């Protein structure tokens, strides 16, 4: 016998099923379906490297840090700076030097006074700027004496107007037309023969090295009253006397009791000097008589910065 369910019972059963489904907890519904965890791959951040390059003269070098009096500093997207002292961190392998197989500072081989070209990366700006050198190439520079007058003092940097008399540097006519910027942070400074402080208006003779108009000083001889200057090439040396110039323009000066600075080294002897050497003599003139007080002489052995030359 067949039984036909009544419509009301079917509807009730259906409604009951819906009520049971609705009253079931969410956890029970999810028990049969476990969501797969999403695999999120973090994209590496792209760090933009800013490059720089600079060239100038080595002021100091110790450990992994060097200071350079830079003629120019070019930082990518930030423009060019001129005649500024920069502090750089030298990365391992940036400078080719001796001492392989031993633990040596990364600045080993850098010579104070040498010209250097550096390049690498830059981070930060202003006081927080960090310059990391990944490549450095240096070239020997010869010692010179630069003449002029102090026109500005800014900490350990001074600006010097070019003197009326040329120094011993045969290329000076092309350099320093608007003055020299000089790093004096490591220099020995005398004023009128005694230890003193540099000031605007002083006449100075600066012993050191320069990349065009950016100079690193080893010694600064300052005078409150401008001294008389004799500059040129030595044409003859006779005993303690040197003759500067030729024929009718020749001037003979006796340097018997005059302190000598030969190739940047104090206390040299005239026996190491021959015709052809360049000379800068400072002194005073009274009643037409010139009395020398200091003489800078640069001969054929002037091939390196101050302190790395030899008299002979």
C-alpha atoms as a PDB file:
ATOM      1  CA  UNK A   1       0.000   0.000   0.000  1.00  0.00           C
ATOM      2  CA  UNK A   2       1.409   3.328  -0.942  1.00  0.00           C
ATOM      3  CA  UNK A   3       1.265   6.331   1.302  1.00  0.00           C
ATOM      4  CA  UNK A   4       1.185   9.787  -0.120  1.00  0.00           C
ATOM      5  CA  UNK A   5       2.670  12.325   2.284  1.00  0.00           C
ATOM      6  CA  UNK A   6       0.579  15.249   3.002  1.00  0.00           C
ATOM      7  CA  UNK A   7       1.818  18.606   1.769  1.00  0.00           C
ATOM      8  CA  UNK A   8       1.848  20.046   5.234  1.00  0.00           C
ATOM      9  CA  UNK A   9       4.153  17.368   6.551  1.00  0.00           C
ATOM     10  CA  UNK A  10       6.621  17.874   3.733  1.00  0.00           C
ATOM     11  CA  UNK A  11       6.719  21.573   4.307  1.00  0.00           C
ATOM     12  CA  UNK A  12       7.212  21.047   7.994  1.00  0.00           C
ATOM     13  CA  UNK A  13      10.066  18.642   7.477  1.00  0.00           C
ATOM     14  CA  UNK A  14      11.732  21.025   5.091  1.00  0.00           C
ATOM     15  CA  UNK A  15      11.346  23.870   7.486  1.00  0.00           C
ATOM     16  CA  UNK A  16      12.752  21.767  10.281  1.00  0.00           C
ATOM     17  CA  UNK A  17      15.811  20.941   8.246  1.00  0.00           C
ATOM     18  CA  UNK A  18      16.375  24.618   7.608  1.00  0.00           C
ATOM     19  CA  UNK A  19      16.014  25.358  11.287  1.00  0.00           C
ATOM     20  CA  UNK A  20      18.572  22.703  12.162  1.00  0.00           C
ATOM     21  CA  UNK A  21      20.996  24.046   9.564  1.00  0.00           C
ATOM     22  CA  UNK A  22      20.587  27.568  10.788  1.00  0.00           C
ATOM     23  CA  UNK A  23      21.109  26.589  14.409  1.00  0.00           C
ATOM     24  CA  UNK A  24      24.315  24.615  13.747  1.00  0.00           C
ATOM     25  CA  UNK A  25      27.464  26.429  15.007  1.00  0.00           C
ATOM     26  CA  UNK A  26      29.830  27.954  12.422  1.00  0.00           C
ATOM     27  CA  UNK A  27      32.652  25.724  13.641  1.00  0.00           C
ATOM     28  CA  UNK A  28      30.638  22.680  12.836  1.00  0.00           C
ATOM     29  CA  UNK A  29      30.012  23.961   9.355  1.00  0.00           C
ATOM     30  CA  UNK A  30      33.672  24.708   8.811  1.00  0.00           C
ATOM     31  CA  UNK A  31      34.830  21.386  10.177  1.00  0.00           C
ATOM     32  CA  UNK A  32      34.452  19.751   6.892  1.00  0.00           C
ATOM     33  CA  UNK A  33      36.236  22.492   4.958  1.00  0.00           C
ATOM     34  CA  UNK A  34      39.751  23.628   5.933  1.00  0.00           C
ATOM     35  CA  UNK A  35      40.977  26.789   4.143  1.00  0.00           C
ATOM     36  CA  UNK A  36      44.463  26.542   2.671  1.00  0.00           C
ATOM     37  CA  UNK A  37      46.874  29.161   4.068  1.00  0.00           C
ATOM     38  CA  UNK A  38      47.850  31.811   1.550  1.00  0.00           C
ATOM     39  CA  UNK A  39      51.514  31.806   0.574  1.00  0.00           C
ATOM     40  CA  UNK A  40      52.637  35.450   0.614  1.00  0.00           C
ATOM     41  CA  UNK A  41      55.985  36.232  -0.998  1.00  0.00           C
ATOM     42  CA  UNK A  42      57.509  39.501   0.204  1.00  0.00           C
ATOM     43  CA  UNK A  43      58.963  41.447  -2.663  1.00  0.00           C
ATOM     44  CA  UNK A  44      62.514  42.645  -1.943  1.00  0.00           C
ATOM     45  CA  UNK A  45      62.762  46.386  -1.561  1.00  0.00           C
ATOM     46  CA  UNK A  46      64.760  48.083  -4.284  1.00  0.00           C
ATOM     47  CA  UNK A  47      67.465  50.143  -2.638  1.00  0.00           C
ATOM     48  CA  UNK A  48      68.554  52.930  -4.913  1.00  0.00           C
ATOM     49  CA  UNK A  49      72.321  53.425  -4.931  1.00  0.00           C
ATOM     50  CA  UNK A  50      73.527  56.977  -5.369  1.00  0.00           C
ATOM     51  CA  UNK A  51      76.991  57.207  -6.908  1.00  0.00           C
ATOM     52  CA  UNK A  52      79.640  59.863  -6.404  1.00  0.00           C
ATOM     53  CA  UNK A  53      83.122  60.672  -7.633  1.00  0.00           C
ATOM     54  CA  UNK A  54      85.641  63.222  -6.471  1.00  0.00           C
ATOM     55  CA  UNK A  55      89.246  64.222  -6.973  1.00  0.00           C
ATOM     56  CA  UNK A  56      91.569  66.263  -4.848  1.00  0.00           C
ATOM     57  CA  UNK A  57      94.468  65.954  -2.409  1.00  0.00           C
ATOM     58  CA  UNK A  58      94.812  63.596   0.565  1.00  0.00           C
ATOM     59  CA  UNK A  59      94.707  65.494   3.883  1.00  0.00           C
ATOM     60  CA  UNK A  60      94.859  62.496   6.228  1.00  0.00           C
ATOM     61  CA  UNK A  61      94.369  58.727   6.215  1.00  0.00           C
ATOM     62  CA  UNK A  62      93.891  56.389   9.173  1.00  0.00           C
ATOM     63  CA  UNK A  63      92.206  53.009   9.509  1.00  0.00           C
ATOM     64  CA  UNK A  64      89.334  52.988   7.041  1.00  0.00           C
ATOM     65  CA  UNK A  65      88.836  56.761   7.033  1.00  0.00           C
ATOM     66  CA  UNK A  66      90.446  59.396   4.834  1.00  0.00           C
ATOM     67  CA  UNK A  67      89.981  63.135   4.472  1.00  0.00           C
ATOM     68  CA  UNK A  68      90.350  64.641   1.004  1.00  0.00           C
ATOM     69  CA  UNK A  69      90.565  68.323   0.067  1.00  0.00           C
ATOM     70  CA  UNK A  70      88.430  67.918  -3.018  1.00  0.00           C
ATOM     71  CA  UNK A  71      88.674  70.167  -6.014  1.00  0.00           C
ATOM     72  CA  UNK A  72      85.350  68.736  -7.189  1.00  0.00           C
ATOM     73  CA  UNK A  73      82.745  66.381  -5.705  1.00  0.00           C
ATOM     74  CA  UNK A  74      80.012  65.120  -8.015  1.00  0.00           C
ATOM     75  CA  UNK A  75      77.075  63.324  -6.369  1.00  0.00           C
ATOM     76  CA  UNK A  76      74.464  61.735  -8.623  1.00  0.00           C
ATOM     77  CA  UNK A  77      71.302  63.871  -8.829  1.00  0.00           C
ATOM     78  CA  UNK A  78      72.748  66.339  -6.306  1.00  0.00           C
ATOM     79  CA  UNK A  79      75.141  68.394  -8.393  1.00  0.00           C
ATOM     80  CA  UNK A  80      78.768  69.449  -8.002  1.00  0.00           C
ATOM     81  CA  UNK A  81      80.655  70.972  -5.080  1.00  0.00           C
ATOM     82  CA  UNK A  82      84.038  72.656  -5.397  1.00  0.00           C
ATOM     83  CA  UNK A  83      86.969  73.135  -3.018  1.00  0.00           C
ATOM     84  CA  UNK A  84      85.567  71.317   0.015  1.00  0.00           C
ATOM     85  CA  UNK A  85      87.066  68.883   2.500  1.00  0.00           C
ATOM     86  CA  UNK A  86      85.252  65.533   2.513  1.00  0.00           C
ATOM     87  CA  UNK A  87      85.557  62.547   4.840  1.00  0.00           C
ATOM     88  CA  UNK A  88      85.289  59.154   3.151  1.00  0.00           C
ATOM     89  CA  UNK A  89      85.183  55.533   4.270  1.00  0.00           C
ATOM     90  CA  UNK A  90      87.484  53.362   2.164  1.00  0.00           C
ATOM     91  CA  UNK A  91      86.039  49.912   1.490  1.00  0.00           C
ATOM     92  CA  UNK A  92      88.297  46.826   1.372  1.00  0.00           C
ATOM     93  CA  UNK A  93      89.950  46.467  -2.014  1.00  0.00           C
ATOM     94  CA  UNK A  94      89.248  50.049  -3.073  1.00  0.00           C
ATOM     95  CA  UNK A  95      92.928  50.951  -3.026  1.00  0.00           C
ATOM     96  CA  UNK A  96      95.579  48.724  -4.511  1.00  0.00           C
ATOM     97  CA  UNK A  97      98.386  48.596  -1.976  1.00  0.00           C
ATOM     98  CA  UNK A  98     101.073  46.329  -0.596  1.00  0.00           C
ATOM     99  CA  UNK A  99     100.581  44.110   2.398  1.00  0.00           C
ATOM    100  CA  UNK A 100      98.537  41.294   0.892  1.00  0.00           C
ATOM    101  CA  UNK A 101      98.060  38.396   3.283  1.00  0.00           C
ATOM    102  CA  UNK A 102      98.248  40.637   6.331  1.00  0.00           C
ATOM    103  CA  UNK A 103      95.599  42.618   8.109  1.00  0.00           C
ATOM    104  CA  UNK A 104      96.215  46.174   7.009  1.00  0.00           C
ATOM    105  CA  UNK A 105      93.971  49.248   7.137  1.00  0.00           C
ATOM    106  CA  UNK A 106      91.982  49.872   3.978  1.00  0.00           C
ATOM    107  CA  UNK A 107      93.708  53.256   3.663  1.00  0.00           C
ATOM    108  CA  UNK A 108      97.185  51.705   3.781  1.00  0.00           C
ATOM    109  CA  UNK A 109      99.236  53.155   0.945  1.00  0.00           C
ATOM    110  CA  UNK A 110      97.444  56.509   0.765  1.00  0.00           C
ATOM    111  CA  UNK A 111     100.039  59.289   0.975  1.00  0.00           C
ATOM    112  CA  UNK A 112      99.179  62.658   2.474  1.00  0.00           C
ATOM    113  CA  UNK A 113      99.662  65.273  -0.231  1.00  0.00           C
ATOM    114  CA  UNK A 114      99.086  62.917  -3.139  1.00  0.00           C
ATOM    115  CA  UNK A 115      96.386  63.612  -5.668  1.00  0.00           C
ATOM    116  CA  UNK A 116      93.582  61.061  -5.426  1.00  0.00           C
ATOM    117  CA  UNK A 117      90.556  60.149  -7.518  1.00  0.00           C
ATOM    118  CA  UNK A 118      87.801  58.340  -5.618  1.00  0.00           C
ATOM    119  CA  UNK A 119      84.392  56.940  -6.550  1.00  0.00           C
ATOM    120  CA  UNK A 120      81.713  54.935  -4.814  1.00  0.00           C
ATOM    121  CA  UNK A 121      78.314  55.339  -3.164  1.00  0.00           C
ATOM    122  CA  UNK A 122      76.684  58.138  -1.195  1.00  0.00           C
ATOM    123  CA  UNK A 123      74.015  57.961   1.499  1.00  0.00           C
ATOM    124  CA  UNK A 124      72.380  60.631   3.606  1.00  0.00           C
ATOM    125  CA  UNK A 125      72.969  64.336   3.229  1.00  0.00           C
ATOM    126  CA  UNK A 126      74.471  67.269   5.061  1.00  0.00           C
ATOM    127  CA  UNK A 127      75.966  66.269   8.427  1.00  0.00           C
ATOM    128  CA  UNK A 128      74.730  62.689   7.967  1.00  0.00           C
ATOM    129  CA  UNK A 129      76.276  62.202   4.542  1.00  0.00           C
ATOM    130  CA  UNK A 130      78.312  59.009   4.221  1.00  0.00           C
ATOM    131  CA  UNK A 131      80.671  58.568   1.275  1.00  0.00           C
ATOM    132  CA  UNK A 132      81.934  55.022   0.767  1.00  0.00           C
ATOM    133  CA  UNK A 133      84.848  54.632  -1.632  1.00  0.00           C
ATOM    134  CA  UNK A 134      84.932  51.471  -3.717  1.00  0.00           C
ATOM    135  CA  UNK A 135      87.693  52.628  -6.063  1.00  0.00           C
ATOM    136  CA  UNK A 136      90.646  54.910  -5.389  1.00  0.00           C
ATOM    137  CA  UNK A 137      93.590  55.864  -7.579  1.00  0.00           C
ATOM    138  CA  UNK A 138      96.372  58.168  -6.402  1.00  0.00           C
ATOM    139  CA  UNK A 139      99.153  60.055  -8.153  1.00  0.00           C
ATOM    140  CA  UNK A 140     102.250  61.642  -6.623  1.00  0.00           C
ATOM    141  CA  UNK A 141     102.220  65.437  -6.407  1.00  0.00           C
ATOM    142  CA  UNK A 142     105.275  67.623  -6.015  1.00  0.00           C
ATOM    143  CA  UNK A 143     105.696  70.143  -3.228  1.00  0.00           C
ATOM    144  CA  UNK A 144     105.069  73.819  -3.930  1.00  0.00           C
ATOM    145  CA  UNK A 145     104.973  77.114  -2.091  1.00  0.00           C
ATOM    146  CA  UNK A 146     101.880  79.214  -2.735  1.00  0.00           C
ATOM    147  CA  UNK A 147     101.946  82.974  -2.158  1.00  0.00           C
ATOM    148  CA  UNK A 148      99.098  85.348  -1.387  1.00  0.00           C
ATOM    149  CA  UNK A 149      97.003  87.117   1.224  1.00  0.00           C
ATOM    150  CA  UNK A 150      94.389  85.666   3.568  1.00  0.00           C
ATOM    151  CA  UNK A 151      90.925  86.960   2.622  1.00  0.00           C
ATOM    152  CA  UNK A 152      88.749  84.558   4.652  1.00  0.00           C
ATOM    153  CA  UNK A 153      89.108  82.145   7.576  1.00  0.00           C
ATOM    154  CA  UNK A 154      86.544  79.411   8.174  1.00  0.00           C
ATOM    155  CA  UNK A 155      87.666  76.972  10.838  1.00  0.00           C
ATOM    156  CA  UNK A 156      90.549  74.947   9.409  1.00  0.00           C
ATOM    157  CA  UNK A 157      89.967  76.260   5.891  1.00  0.00           C
ATOM    158  CA  UNK A 158      91.239  79.594   4.612  1.00  0.00           C
ATOM    159  CA  UNK A 159      90.861  81.422   1.331  1.00  0.00           C
ATOM    160  CA  UNK A 160      93.908  83.130  -0.080  1.00  0.00           C
ATOM    161  CA  UNK A 161      94.021  85.655  -2.889  1.00  0.00           C
ATOM    162  CA  UNK A 162      96.734  85.026  -5.441  1.00  0.00           C
ATOM    163  CA  UNK A 163      99.903  86.995  -4.803  1.00  0.00           C
ATOM    164  CA  UNK A 164     101.412  89.489  -7.206  1.00  0.00           C
ATOM    165  CA  UNK A 165     104.498  87.272  -7.406  1.00  0.00           C
ATOM    166  CA  UNK A 166     104.109  83.814  -8.899  1.00  0.00           C
ATOM    167  CA  UNK A 167     105.165  80.859  -6.789  1.00  0.00           C
ATOM    168  CA  UNK A 168     107.528  78.135  -7.944  1.00  0.00           C
ATOM    169  CA  UNK A 169     104.656  76.322  -9.680  1.00  0.00           C
ATOM    170  CA  UNK A 170     105.091  76.873 -13.405  1.00  0.00           C
ATOM    171  CA  UNK A 171     101.388  76.098 -13.918  1.00  0.00           C
ATOM    172  CA  UNK A 172     100.192  78.638 -11.368  1.00  0.00           C
ATOM    173  CA  UNK A 173      99.183  81.129 -14.057  1.00  0.00           C
ATOM    174  CA  UNK A 174      96.398  78.707 -14.941  1.00  0.00           C
ATOM    175  CA  UNK A 175      95.482  77.993 -11.318  1.00  0.00           C
ATOM    176  CA  UNK A 176      93.920  79.969  -8.523  1.00  0.00           C
ATOM    177  CA  UNK A 177      92.757  82.869 -10.648  1.00  0.00           C
ATOM    178  CA  UNK A 178      90.034  83.557  -8.113  1.00  0.00           C
ATOM    179  CA  UNK A 179      92.160  82.589  -5.121  1.00  0.00           C
ATOM    180  CA  UNK A 180      93.164  79.371  -3.396  1.00  0.00           C
ATOM    181  CA  UNK A 181      91.122  77.442  -0.856  1.00  0.00           C
ATOM    182  CA  UNK A 182      93.549  75.928   1.648  1.00  0.00           C
ATOM    183  CA  UNK A 183      93.074  73.152   4.207  1.00  0.00           C
ATOM    184  CA  UNK A 184      95.313  74.020   7.190  1.00  0.00           C
ATOM    185  CA  UNK A 185      94.021  71.329   9.578  1.00  0.00           C
ATOM    186  CA  UNK A 186      97.377  69.525   9.681  1.00  0.00           C
ATOM    187  CA  UNK A 187      99.643  72.523   9.047  1.00  0.00           C
ATOM    188  CA  UNK A 188     102.307  74.060  11.247  1.00  0.00           C
ATOM    189  CA  UNK A 189     101.458  77.762  11.457  1.00  0.00           C
ATOM    190  CA  UNK A 190     103.782  80.623  12.319  1.00  0.00           C
ATOM    191  CA  UNK A 191     103.022  84.340  12.341  1.00  0.00           C
ATOM    192  CA  UNK A 192     106.042  86.650  12.091  1.00  0.00           C
ATOM    193  CA  UNK A 193     108.295  83.740  13.017  1.00  0.00           C
ATOM    194  CA  UNK A 194     106.397  82.485  16.079  1.00  0.00           C
ATOM    195  CA  UNK A 195     103.469  80.104  16.572  1.00  0.00           C
ATOM    196  CA  UNK A 196     100.290  82.028  15.929  1.00  0.00           C
ATOM    197  CA  UNK A 197      96.789  82.200  14.501  1.00  0.00           C
ATOM    198  CA  UNK A 198      95.886  82.978  10.924  1.00  0.00           C
ATOM    199  CA  UNK A 199      93.807  86.103  10.292  1.00  0.00           C
ATOM    200  CA  UNK A 200      92.399  88.042   7.379  1.00  0.00           C
ATOM    201  CA  UNK A 201      94.926  90.452   5.895  1.00  0.00           C
ATOM    202  CA  UNK A 202      98.065  88.438   6.638  1.00  0.00           C
ATOM    203  CA  UNK A 203     100.470  87.711   3.801  1.00  0.00           C
ATOM    204  CA  UNK A 204     101.226  84.001   3.618  1.00  0.00           C
ATOM    205  CA  UNK A 205     103.659  81.578   2.058  1.00  0.00           C
ATOM    206  CA  UNK A 206     102.019  78.148   2.048  1.00  0.00           C
ATOM    207  CA  UNK A 207     104.121  75.031   1.698  1.00  0.00           C
ATOM    208  CA  UNK A 208     102.154  72.042   0.463  1.00  0.00           C
ATOM    209  CA  UNK A 209     100.425  70.512  -2.529  1.00  0.00           C
ATOM    210  CA  UNK A 210      97.502  71.651  -4.620  1.00  0.00           C
ATOM    211  CA  UNK A 211      95.069  70.327  -7.190  1.00  0.00           C
ATOM    212  CA  UNK A 212      94.517  73.559  -9.117  1.00  0.00           C
ATOM    213  CA  UNK A 213      92.983  75.946  -6.569  1.00  0.00           C
ATOM    214  CA  UNK A 214      92.396  73.392  -3.771  1.00  0.00           C
ATOM    215  CA  UNK A 215      95.515  73.266  -1.581  1.00  0.00           C
ATOM    216  CA  UNK A 216      96.599  71.140   1.373  1.00  0.00           C
ATOM    217  CA  UNK A 217      99.106  72.952   3.598  1.00  0.00           C
ATOM    218  CA  UNK A 218     101.952  71.308   5.487  1.00  0.00           C
ATOM    219  CA  UNK A 219     103.277  74.643   6.781  1.00  0.00           C
ATOM    220  CA  UNK A 220     101.963  78.202   6.665  1.00  0.00           C
ATOM    221  CA  UNK A 221     104.326  81.151   7.153  1.00  0.00           C
ATOM    222  CA  UNK A 222     102.219  84.248   7.847  1.00  0.00           C
ATOM    223  CA  UNK A 223     103.335  87.875   8.128  1.00  0.00           C
ATOM    224  CA  UNK A 224     101.498  90.909   9.453  1.00  0.00           C
ATOM    225  CA  UNK A 225     103.717  93.077   7.258  1.00  0.00           C
ATOM    226  CA  UNK A 226     104.196  91.765   3.750  1.00  0.00           C
ATOM    227  CA  UNK A 227     107.773  90.568   3.173  1.00  0.00           C
ATOM    228  CA  UNK A 228     109.865  91.259   0.106  1.00  0.00           C
ATOM    229  CA  UNK A 229     109.830  88.333  -2.298  1.00  0.00           C
ATOM    230  CA  UNK A 230     112.407  87.100  -4.754  1.00  0.00           C
ATOM    231  CA  UNK A 231     111.341  84.259  -7.032  1.00  0.00           C
ATOM    232  CA  UNK A 232     112.808  82.554 -10.058  1.00  0.00           C
ATOM    233  CA  UNK A 233     115.363  79.995 -11.166  1.00  0.00           C
ATOM    234  CA  UNK A 234     118.855  79.691  -9.766  1.00  0.00           C
ATOM    235  CA  UNK A 235     121.457  80.273 -12.445  1.00  0.00           C
ATOM    236  CA  UNK A 236     124.529  79.742 -10.240  1.00  0.00           C
ATOM    237  CA  UNK A 237     125.505  78.570  -6.746  1.00  0.00           C
ATOM    238  CA  UNK A 238     128.800  79.794  -5.289  1.00  0.00           C
ATOM    239  CA  UNK A 239     129.406  78.812  -1.696  1.00  0.00           C
ATOM    240  CA  UNK A 240     126.514  80.283   0.295  1.00  0.00           C
ATOM    241  CA  UNK A 241     125.495  82.620  -2.510  1.00  0.00           C
ATOM    242  CA  UNK A 242     122.849  81.933  -5.118  1.00  0.00           C
ATOM    243  CA  UNK A 243     122.262  83.905  -8.283  1.00  0.00           C
ATOM    244  CA  UNK A 244     118.700  84.209  -9.545  1.00  0.00           C
ATOM    245  CA  UNK A 245     118.076  85.013 -13.191  1.00  0.00           C
ATOM    246  CA  UNK A 246     120.517  85.656 -16.012  1.00  0.00           C
ATOM    247  CA  UNK A 247     122.638  88.513 -17.317  1.00  0.00           C
ATOM    248  CA  UNK A 248     121.316  92.017 -16.563  1.00  0.00           C
ATOM    249  CA  UNK A 249     118.348  90.685 -14.562  1.00  0.00           C
ATOM    250  CA  UNK A 250     120.515  88.539 -12.278  1.00  0.00           C
ATOM    251  CA  UNK A 251     120.325  89.046  -8.496  1.00  0.00           C
ATOM    252  CA  UNK A 252     122.787  87.467  -6.066  1.00  0.00           C
ATOM    253  CA  UNK A 253     121.714  86.672  -2.498  1.00  0.00           C
ATOM    254  CA  UNK A 254     123.820  85.342   0.366  1.00  0.00           C
ATOM    255  CA  UNK A 255     121.940  82.582   2.200  1.00  0.00           C
ATOM    256  CA  UNK A 256     124.667  81.836   4.737  1.00  0.00           C
ATOM    257  CA  UNK A 257     122.464  82.344   7.819  1.00  0.00           C
ATOM    258  CA  UNK A 258     119.084  81.866   6.184  1.00  0.00           C
ATOM    259  CA  UNK A 259     116.842  78.900   7.073  1.00  0.00           C
ATOM    260  CA  UNK A 260     116.399  76.684   4.025  1.00  0.00           C
ATOM    261  CA  UNK A 261     113.423  74.521   3.069  1.00  0.00           C
ATOM    262  CA  UNK A 262     114.528  72.210   0.251  1.00  0.00           C
ATOM    263  CA  UNK A 263     111.854  70.132  -1.465  1.00  0.00           C
ATOM    264  CA  UNK A 264     109.606  70.759   1.544  1.00  0.00           C
ATOM    265  CA  UNK A 265     112.173  69.565   4.088  1.00  0.00           C
ATOM    266  CA  UNK A 266     113.603  72.044   6.577  1.00  0.00           C
ATOM    267  CA  UNK A 267     117.283  72.197   7.384  1.00  0.00           C
ATOM    268  CA  UNK A 268     118.589  71.382   3.924  1.00  0.00           C
ATOM    269  CA  UNK A 269     122.042  72.328   2.655  1.00  0.00           C
ATOM    270  CA  UNK A 270     123.006  74.334  -0.430  1.00  0.00           C
ATOM    271  CA  UNK A 271     125.392  71.560  -1.425  1.00  0.00           C
ATOM    272  CA  UNK A 272     122.365  69.713  -2.795  1.00  0.00           C
ATOM    273  CA  UNK A 273     121.305  72.685  -4.910  1.00  0.00           C
ATOM    274  CA  UNK A 274     122.446  73.330  -8.465  1.00  0.00           C
ATOM    275  CA  UNK A 275     121.620  75.689 -11.300  1.00  0.00           C
ATOM    276  CA  UNK A 276     118.090  75.217 -12.574  1.00  0.00           C
ATOM    277  CA  UNK A 277     116.466  74.802  -9.181  1.00  0.00           C
ATOM    278  CA  UNK A 278     113.418  76.958  -8.443  1.00  0.00           C
ATOM    279  CA  UNK A 279     113.618  79.332  -5.499  1.00  0.00           C
ATOM    280  CA  UNK A 280     111.321  81.569  -3.453  1.00  0.00           C
ATOM    281  CA  UNK A 281     113.125  83.834  -0.970  1.00  0.00           C
ATOM    282  CA  UNK A 282     111.342  85.922   1.675  1.00  0.00           C
ATOM    283  CA  UNK A 283     113.003  88.821   3.449  1.00  0.00           C
ATOM    284  CA  UNK A 284     113.005  92.540   4.191  1.00  0.00           C
ATOM    285  CA  UNK A 285     114.347  95.510   2.302  1.00  0.00           C
ATOM    286  CA  UNK A 286     115.899  98.424   4.168  1.00  0.00           C
ATOM    287  CA  UNK A 287     117.526 101.351   2.352  1.00  0.00           C
ATOM    288  CA  UNK A 288     117.565  99.297  -0.815  1.00  0.00           C
ATOM    289  CA  UNK A 289     119.356  96.354   0.821  1.00  0.00           C
ATOM    290  CA  UNK A 290     117.565  92.989   0.773  1.00  0.00           C
ATOM    291  CA  UNK A 291     118.023  90.727   3.818  1.00  0.00           C
ATOM    292  CA  UNK A 292     116.712  87.169   3.376  1.00  0.00           C
ATOM    293  CA  UNK A 293     114.851  85.484   6.236  1.00  0.00           C
ATOM    294  CA  UNK A 294     113.591  82.243   4.645  1.00  0.00           C
ATOM    295  CA  UNK A 295     114.270  80.411   1.379  1.00  0.00           C
ATOM    296  CA  UNK A 296     112.282  77.671  -0.355  1.00  0.00           C
ATOM    297  CA  UNK A 297     114.226  75.699  -2.965  1.00  0.00           C
ATOM    298  CA  UNK A 298     112.923  72.960  -5.238  1.00  0.00           C
ATOM    299  CA  UNK A 299     115.410  70.910  -7.215  1.00  0.00           C
ATOM    300  CA  UNK A 300     115.230  67.854  -9.445  1.00  0.00           C
ATOM    301  CA  UNK A 301     114.408  65.579  -6.495  1.00  0.00           C
ATOM    302  CA  UNK A 302     111.110  67.384  -5.893  1.00  0.00           C
ATOM    303  CA  UNK A 303     108.915  64.530  -7.070  1.00  0.00           C
ATOM    304  CA  UNK A 304     106.676  63.840  -4.080  1.00  0.00           C
ATOM    305  CA  UNK A 305     104.597  65.671  -1.475  1.00  0.00           C
ATOM    306  CA  UNK A 306     106.121  67.488   1.493  1.00  0.00           C
ATOM    307  CA  UNK A 307     107.717  64.993   3.882  1.00  0.00           C
ATOM    308  CA  UNK A 308     108.199  62.348   1.184  1.00  0.00           C
ATOM    309  CA  UNK A 309     110.913  64.133  -0.776  1.00  0.00           C
ATOM    310  CA  UNK A 310     114.660  63.911  -0.388  1.00  0.00           C
ATOM    311  CA  UNK A 311     117.131  66.774  -0.579  1.00  0.00           C
ATOM    312  CA  UNK A 312     119.372  65.009  -3.043  1.00  0.00           C
END
